[in-house]
Amino acid sequence: MTATGRAAGRWRLLLAGYVLPVLAILGLVALAFNLGRYPVAPGQALAILYAAATGTEHGLPATLETVVMDVRLPRIGAALVVGAALAAAGATYQGIFRNPLVSPDILGVSSGAAFGAALAIFLALPFLFVQGLAFVFGLVAVSAVYLIATLVRGAHNPLLVLVLAGVVVGSLLSAAVSMLKYLADPYDQLPAIEYWLLGSLSAARAGDVLGILVPVALGLIPLVLVRWRINLLSLDEEEARALGVNTGRLRVVVIAAATLITASAISIAGTVGWVGLIIPHLARMLVGPNYIRLLPASILVGAGYLLAVDTVARNAAAIELPLGTLNAFLGAPFFLYLLARARRSWT
């Protein structure tokens, strides 16, 4: 390929993987502000946001300011952060486990977070504890998986042992959630548990978004910095070590970072499935398999995707649709398409 052709290819990748997703996110943000029971035009939203940032007057009704600052802005921010986090975690897990069917809950983080939230609801704790216990038990679940895998690994494939340990721990925690649902008050606690498990951003507030920004940043920054090494983790163990990579240490760092952002996202959104499974494939179609480009593209596409789905969830019907269910309706057909399209390369 000539230098001109390579340059044109780089520009196409830049356009498809970065420019278009950013423009799509900006358009979706404007649309999310404008759609709903109280429509807010993009100019009005910008005026209110500018006034809040500079301390000046915007001259618009106080009701409109409440809608923008207390309802729409936190929810839009939550959708962007959660979508970016789950997509980045999914892309990372698929790379290190060398499996296109892997999603962020492969190591039991979703089951752990579900148990923590269900336990808090069952004990009638404040909503802050629901988020806190979901986050803590998500991390505890993955720590238990890694400890079990370390103890029983022996001569077995370490990745296979890790996945099997995740399946076992996730199954146990799912059984514990089922037990809590069985014991819960059917008129109060059980609906609250079910609603959380279905996934939603309706309760997201500015404090919730700010609360997960730090752990999400602590997880995303290492992943972005070592994203070129994730390419090496996609190779066989012997090949990666021959290139001078300490695969064991790197895998621990990457898994810890991906788990941290997954637990953070789930703690405020509930169990939102499919994002971490299908978005990395969509990003791979746009920019290719190189993680130097794939990880940033996954972050952008995931953020835009979940914002779009959340906007549909709160506007498609008279009542708000759960994110988990809507994601399944959208994600399952798309993933079947991916299976049919890439069946030769996956077998």
Protein backbone atom coordinates (compact mmCIF):
# COMPACT_ATOMS: atom_id res chain seq x y z
CA MET A 1 0.00 0.00 0.00
CA THR A 2 1.31 3.46 -0.88
CA ALA A 3 1.90 6.21 1.67
CA THR A 4 -1.13 8.07 0.30
CA GLY A 5 -3.29 4.98 0.74
CA ARG A 6 -2.09 4.49 4.31
CA ALA A 7 -2.78 8.12 5.14
CA ALA A 8 -6.28 7.87 3.64
CA GLY A 9 -6.89 4.72 5.68
CA ARG A 10 -5.83 6.46 8.89
CA TRP A 11 -8.16 9.35 8.17
CA ARG A 12 -11.05 6.96 7.53
CA LEU A 13 -10.39 5.22 10.85
CA LEU A 14 -10.19 8.59 12.61
CA LEU A 15 -13.47 9.68 11.06
CA ALA A 16 -15.32 6.42 11.74
CA GLY A 17 -13.94 5.74 15.21
CA TYR A 18 -13.72 9.19 16.76
CA VAL A 19 -15.20 12.09 14.80
CA LEU A 20 -18.55 10.52 13.93
CA PRO A 21 -19.14 9.07 17.45
CA VAL A 22 -18.36 12.46 19.04
CA LEU A 23 -20.76 14.24 16.67
CA ALA A 24 -23.38 11.57 17.34
CA ILE A 25 -22.98 12.04 21.11
CA LEU A 26 -23.44 15.81 20.78
CA GLY A 27 -26.59 15.28 18.73
CA LEU A 28 -27.93 12.70 21.18
CA VAL A 29 -27.30 15.03 24.13
CA ALA A 30 -29.30 17.79 22.42
CA LEU A 31 -32.06 15.29 21.62
CA ALA A 32 -32.11 13.93 25.19
CA PHE A 33 -32.59 17.45 26.58
CA ASN A 34 -35.38 18.16 24.10
CA LEU A 35 -37.39 14.95 24.48
CA GLY A 36 -39.64 14.34 27.45
CA ARG A 37 -42.64 15.74 29.27
CA TYR A 38 -40.90 19.13 29.51
CA PRO A 39 -39.01 19.76 26.26
CA VAL A 40 -35.88 21.89 26.53
CA ALA A 41 -34.49 23.38 23.33
CA PRO A 42 -30.70 23.10 22.84
CA GLY A 43 -30.33 26.89 23.09
CA GLN A 44 -32.22 26.97 26.38
CA ALA A 45 -30.17 24.12 27.79
CA LEU A 46 -26.92 25.83 26.80
CA ALA A 47 -28.09 29.11 28.36
CA ILE A 48 -28.94 27.42 31.65
CA LEU A 49 -25.68 25.45 31.73
CA TYR A 50 -23.66 28.57 30.91
CA ALA A 51 -25.44 30.54 33.62
CA ALA A 52 -24.79 27.78 36.16
CA ALA A 53 -21.10 27.67 35.24
CA THR A 54 -20.55 31.43 35.31
CA GLY A 55 -23.02 32.47 38.03
CA THR A 56 -24.95 34.76 35.68
CA GLU A 57 -28.68 35.04 35.03
CA HIS A 58 -30.28 33.13 32.16
CA GLY A 59 -33.72 34.76 32.15
CA LEU A 60 -35.60 31.47 31.73
CA PRO A 61 -38.31 29.99 34.00
CA ALA A 62 -37.14 28.33 37.20
CA THR A 63 -39.04 25.17 36.24
CA LEU A 64 -36.92 24.84 33.13
CA GLU A 65 -33.75 25.22 35.19
CA THR A 66 -34.91 22.47 37.56
CA VAL A 67 -35.60 20.14 34.66
CA VAL A 68 -32.16 20.75 33.15
CA MET A 69 -29.99 20.78 36.28
CA ASP A 70 -31.78 18.27 38.51
CA VAL A 71 -33.31 15.80 36.05
CA ARG A 72 -31.92 15.79 32.50
CA LEU A 73 -28.27 16.68 33.07
CA PRO A 74 -27.60 14.04 35.79
CA ARG A 75 -29.36 11.37 33.76
CA ILE A 76 -27.51 12.24 30.56
CA GLY A 77 -24.23 12.24 32.45
CA ALA A 78 -25.03 8.89 34.03
CA ALA A 79 -25.89 7.33 30.67
CA LEU A 80 -22.65 8.58 29.12
CA VAL A 81 -20.45 7.41 32.00
CA VAL A 82 -22.15 4.02 32.45
CA GLY A 83 -22.19 3.29 28.71
CA ALA A 84 -18.52 4.22 28.34
CA ALA A 85 -17.52 2.16 31.38
CA LEU A 86 -19.38 -1.00 30.38
CA ALA A 87 -18.18 -0.83 26.77
CA ALA A 88 -14.55 -0.34 27.85
CA ALA A 89 -14.80 -3.23 30.31
CA GLY A 90 -16.37 -5.47 27.68
CA ALA A 91 -13.68 -4.71 25.11
CA THR A 92 -10.99 -5.36 27.72
CA TYR A 93 -12.42 -8.67 28.87
CA GLN A 94 -12.88 -9.89 25.30
CA GLY A 95 -9.23 -9.12 24.63
CA ILE A 96 -7.67 -10.73 27.69
CA PHE A 97 -9.90 -13.81 27.54
CA ARG A 98 -9.53 -14.07 23.77
CA ASN A 99 -13.25 -14.74 23.45
CA PRO A 100 -15.78 -12.61 21.51
CA LEU A 101 -18.66 -13.88 23.70
CA VAL A 102 -17.26 -12.47 26.94
CA SER A 103 -19.07 -9.61 28.69
CA PRO A 104 -18.26 -7.54 31.82
CA ASP A 105 -20.14 -9.91 34.12
CA ILE A 106 -17.95 -12.91 33.20
CA LEU A 107 -16.18 -12.82 36.60
CA GLY A 108 -19.32 -12.46 38.68
CA VAL A 109 -19.28 -8.70 39.17
CA SER A 110 -22.92 -8.29 38.07
CA SER A 111 -24.10 -11.09 40.36
CA GLY A 112 -22.12 -9.62 43.25
CA ALA A 113 -23.56 -6.15 42.69
CA ALA A 114 -27.07 -7.60 42.38
CA PHE A 115 -26.67 -9.41 45.69
CA GLY A 116 -25.37 -6.27 47.41
CA ALA A 117 -28.27 -4.16 46.15
CA ALA A 118 -30.85 -6.83 46.95
CA LEU A 119 -29.43 -7.21 50.46
CA ALA A 120 -29.62 -3.46 51.09
CA ILE A 121 -33.23 -3.34 49.87
CA PHE A 122 -34.11 -6.42 51.93
CA LEU A 123 -32.65 -4.76 55.06
CA ALA A 124 -34.58 -1.54 54.28
CA LEU A 125 -31.39 0.51 54.11
CA PRO A 126 -31.30 3.99 52.49
CA PHE A 127 -30.76 4.17 48.74
CA LEU A 128 -27.17 5.31 49.25
CA PHE A 129 -26.46 1.92 50.84
CA VAL A 130 -28.06 0.16 47.87
CA GLN A 131 -25.47 1.75 45.60
CA GLY A 132 -22.65 1.31 48.10
CA LEU A 133 -23.29 -2.39 48.76
CA ALA A 134 -23.74 -3.06 45.05
CA PHE A 135 -20.32 -1.55 44.41
CA VAL A 136 -18.64 -3.34 47.34
CA PHE A 137 -20.10 -6.78 46.64
CA GLY A 138 -19.24 -6.46 42.95
CA LEU A 139 -15.61 -6.04 43.89
CA VAL A 140 -15.82 -8.75 46.56
CA ALA A 141 -17.24 -11.22 44.03
CA VAL A 142 -14.37 -10.71 41.59
CA SER A 143 -11.83 -10.87 44.41
CA ALA A 144 -13.31 -14.22 45.47
CA VAL A 145 -13.17 -15.46 41.89
CA TYR A 146 -9.53 -14.50 41.54
CA LEU A 147 -8.64 -16.06 44.91
CA ILE A 148 -10.34 -19.34 44.00
CA ALA A 149 -8.65 -19.39 40.60
CA THR A 150 -5.26 -18.79 42.23
CA LEU A 151 -5.76 -21.60 44.74
CA VAL A 152 -6.94 -24.27 42.27
CA ARG A 153 -5.11 -23.22 39.11
CA GLY A 154 -2.31 -25.82 39.26
CA ALA A 155 -1.39 -27.05 35.81
CA HIS A 156 -4.68 -25.96 34.25
CA ASN A 157 -5.15 -23.10 31.83
CA PRO A 158 -5.31 -20.00 34.10
CA LEU A 159 -7.88 -18.21 31.92
CA LEU A 160 -10.15 -21.24 31.82
CA VAL A 161 -9.94 -21.66 35.60
CA LEU A 162 -10.73 -17.97 36.07
CA VAL A 163 -13.81 -18.18 33.85
CA LEU A 164 -15.06 -21.35 35.56
CA ALA A 165 -14.54 -19.79 38.99
CA GLY A 166 -16.52 -16.77 37.79
CA VAL A 167 -19.37 -19.02 36.66
CA VAL A 168 -19.45 -20.81 40.02
CA VAL A 169 -19.33 -17.66 42.15
CA GLY A 170 -21.87 -15.92 39.90
CA SER A 171 -24.25 -18.88 40.20
CA LEU A 172 -23.96 -18.91 43.99
CA LEU A 173 -24.65 -15.18 44.22
CA SER A 174 -27.58 -15.47 41.82
CA ALA A 175 -29.01 -18.18 44.06
CA ALA A 176 -28.54 -15.87 47.06
CA VAL A 177 -30.43 -13.10 45.22
CA SER A 178 -33.25 -15.56 44.48
CA MET A 179 -33.41 -16.45 48.17
CA LEU A 180 -33.63 -12.79 49.16
CA LYS A 181 -36.43 -12.28 46.62
CA TYR A 182 -38.27 -15.29 48.08
CA LEU A 183 -37.98 -13.90 51.62
CA ALA A 184 -38.69 -10.26 50.68
CA ASP A 185 -41.96 -8.45 51.33
CA PRO A 186 -43.96 -9.05 48.12
CA TYR A 187 -45.66 -5.64 48.31
CA ASP A 188 -42.65 -3.41 48.92
CA GLN A 189 -39.21 -5.02 48.86
CA LEU A 190 -39.71 -7.52 46.04
CA PRO A 191 -40.81 -4.92 43.44
CA ALA A 192 -37.87 -2.69 44.45
CA ILE A 193 -35.41 -5.58 44.00
CA GLU A 194 -36.90 -6.54 40.64
CA TYR A 195 -36.84 -2.93 39.45
CA TRP A 196 -33.16 -2.60 40.34
CA LEU A 197 -32.30 -5.87 38.63
CA LEU A 198 -33.99 -4.71 35.41
CA GLY A 199 -31.70 -1.67 35.24
CA SER A 200 -32.66 1.99 35.12
CA LEU A 201 -31.17 5.48 35.29
CA SER A 202 -34.38 7.14 36.48
CA ALA A 203 -33.03 7.58 40.02
CA ALA A 204 -29.64 8.97 38.93
CA ARG A 205 -28.77 12.29 40.53
CA ALA A 206 -25.80 14.60 40.20
CA GLY A 207 -24.26 13.23 43.39
CA ASP A 208 -24.47 9.67 42.04
CA VAL A 209 -22.67 10.60 38.83
CA LEU A 210 -19.98 12.55 40.67
CA GLY A 211 -19.60 9.64 43.09
CA ILE A 212 -18.63 7.17 40.36
CA LEU A 213 -16.47 9.52 38.32
CA VAL A 214 -13.41 8.91 40.48
CA PRO A 215 -13.51 5.07 40.45
CA VAL A 216 -14.39 5.04 36.74
CA ALA A 217 -11.46 7.37 36.02
CA LEU A 218 -9.16 5.23 38.20
CA GLY A 219 -10.14 2.23 36.10
CA LEU A 220 -10.20 3.83 32.66
CA ILE A 221 -6.89 5.67 32.87
CA PRO A 222 -4.75 2.51 33.36
CA LEU A 223 -6.68 0.73 30.61
CA VAL A 224 -6.07 3.58 28.17
CA LEU A 225 -2.40 3.80 29.11
CA VAL A 226 -1.74 0.06 28.63
CA ARG A 227 -4.19 -0.52 25.79
CA TRP A 228 -1.40 -1.44 23.37
CA ARG A 229 -0.36 -4.23 25.75
CA ILE A 230 -3.88 -5.68 25.65
CA ASN A 231 -3.03 -6.60 22.06
CA LEU A 232 -0.27 -8.81 23.48
CA LEU A 233 -2.64 -10.44 25.97
CA SER A 234 -4.68 -11.53 22.97
CA LEU A 235 -1.74 -13.73 21.94
CA ASP A 236 -0.83 -17.10 23.43
CA GLU A 237 0.93 -17.01 26.79
CA GLU A 238 4.25 -18.14 25.32
CA GLU A 239 4.18 -15.57 22.53
CA ALA A 240 3.35 -12.72 24.90
CA ARG A 241 6.11 -13.70 27.32
CA ALA A 242 8.58 -14.00 24.45
CA LEU A 243 7.86 -10.34 23.69
CA GLY A 244 8.88 -9.40 27.24
CA VAL A 245 5.41 -8.98 28.80
CA ASN A 246 4.73 -10.18 32.35
CA THR A 247 1.30 -11.56 31.46
CA GLY A 248 0.33 -12.47 35.02
CA ARG A 249 0.97 -9.03 36.47
CA LEU A 250 -0.55 -7.23 33.49
CA ARG A 251 -3.65 -9.41 33.57
CA VAL A 252 -4.21 -8.63 37.27
CA VAL A 253 -3.95 -4.88 36.61
CA VAL A 254 -6.28 -5.00 33.60
CA ILE A 255 -8.88 -7.21 35.31
CA ALA A 256 -8.83 -5.01 38.43
CA ALA A 257 -9.32 -1.84 36.37
CA ALA A 258 -12.12 -3.34 34.24
CA THR A 259 -13.85 -4.72 37.34
CA LEU A 260 -13.65 -1.37 39.13
CA ILE A 261 -15.39 0.51 36.31
CA THR A 262 -17.97 -2.26 35.88
CA ALA A 263 -18.89 -2.28 39.57
CA SER A 264 -19.09 1.52 39.57
CA ALA A 265 -21.44 1.57 36.57
CA ILE A 266 -23.69 -1.19 37.88
CA SER A 267 -23.95 0.47 41.29
CA ILE A 268 -26.03 3.35 39.90
CA ALA A 269 -27.65 1.75 36.84
CA GLY A 270 -28.51 -1.78 37.96
CA THR A 271 -27.78 -4.80 35.83
CA VAL A 272 -27.64 -3.26 32.36
CA GLY A 273 -26.71 -6.07 30.02
CA TRP A 274 -25.53 -6.30 26.41
CA VAL A 275 -23.60 -3.01 26.33
CA GLY A 276 -20.29 -4.63 27.16
CA LEU A 277 -20.99 -7.50 24.77
CA ILE A 278 -22.11 -5.84 21.53
CA ILE A 279 -20.45 -2.40 21.62
CA PRO A 280 -16.87 -3.73 21.35
CA HIS A 281 -17.92 -5.68 18.25
CA LEU A 282 -19.48 -2.56 16.75
CA ALA A 283 -16.34 -0.55 17.51
CA ARG A 284 -14.22 -3.34 16.00
CA MET A 285 -16.23 -3.04 12.80
CA LEU A 286 -15.43 0.69 12.71
CA VAL A 287 -11.73 0.78 13.61
CA GLY A 288 -10.44 -2.79 13.53
CA PRO A 289 -9.08 -5.07 16.28
CA ASN A 290 -6.08 -2.97 17.37
CA TYR A 291 -6.73 -1.92 20.98
CA ILE A 292 -4.84 1.32 20.51
CA ARG A 293 -7.87 2.45 18.49
CA LEU A 294 -10.48 -0.06 19.65
CA LEU A 295 -10.61 0.92 23.33
CA PRO A 296 -11.19 4.68 22.77
CA ALA A 297 -13.72 3.91 20.04
CA SER A 298 -15.56 1.50 22.36
CA ILE A 299 -15.72 4.19 25.05
CA LEU A 300 -17.25 6.72 22.65
CA VAL A 301 -19.66 4.32 20.97
CA GLY A 302 -20.75 2.85 24.33
CA ALA A 303 -21.48 6.29 25.76
CA GLY A 304 -23.58 7.29 22.76
CA TYR A 305 -25.35 3.95 22.57
CA LEU A 306 -26.56 3.92 26.17
CA LEU A 307 -27.66 7.55 25.97
CA ALA A 308 -29.72 6.70 22.89
CA VAL A 309 -31.26 3.64 24.55
CA ASP A 310 -32.04 5.57 27.73
CA THR A 311 -33.70 8.32 25.71
CA VAL A 312 -35.87 5.71 24.00
CA ALA A 313 -36.60 4.03 27.35
CA ARG A 314 -38.09 7.16 28.89
CA ASN A 315 -39.99 8.35 25.82
CA ALA A 316 -41.20 5.26 23.93
CA ALA A 317 -44.19 4.54 26.17
CA ALA A 318 -46.40 6.11 28.80
CA ILE A 319 -44.28 4.43 31.47
CA GLU A 320 -40.52 4.15 31.47
CA LEU A 321 -39.11 0.95 30.02
CA PRO A 322 -36.33 -0.87 31.93
CA LEU A 323 -32.91 -0.51 30.36
CA GLY A 324 -32.00 -4.17 30.74
CA THR A 325 -35.08 -5.35 28.88
CA LEU A 326 -34.80 -2.75 26.12
CA ASN A 327 -31.11 -3.55 25.68
CA ALA A 328 -31.97 -7.23 25.24
CA PHE A 329 -34.56 -6.44 22.55
CA LEU A 330 -32.03 -4.30 20.69
CA GLY A 331 -28.89 -6.29 21.43
CA ALA A 332 -30.02 -9.85 20.73
CA PRO A 333 -30.89 -9.34 17.02
CA PHE A 334 -27.73 -7.32 16.48
CA PHE A 335 -25.59 -9.99 18.10
CA LEU A 336 -27.23 -12.68 15.97
CA TYR A 337 -26.26 -10.59 12.96
CA LEU A 338 -22.69 -10.45 14.23
CA LEU A 339 -22.65 -14.21 14.72
CA ALA A 340 -23.83 -14.78 11.15
CA ARG A 341 -21.40 -12.20 9.76
CA ALA A 342 -18.29 -13.44 11.56
CA ARG A 343 -19.01 -17.16 12.00
CA ARG A 344 -16.04 -18.22 9.89
CA SER A 345 -13.48 -16.22 11.86
CA TRP A 346 -14.86 -17.36 15.24
CA THR A 347 -14.77 -21.08 14.56
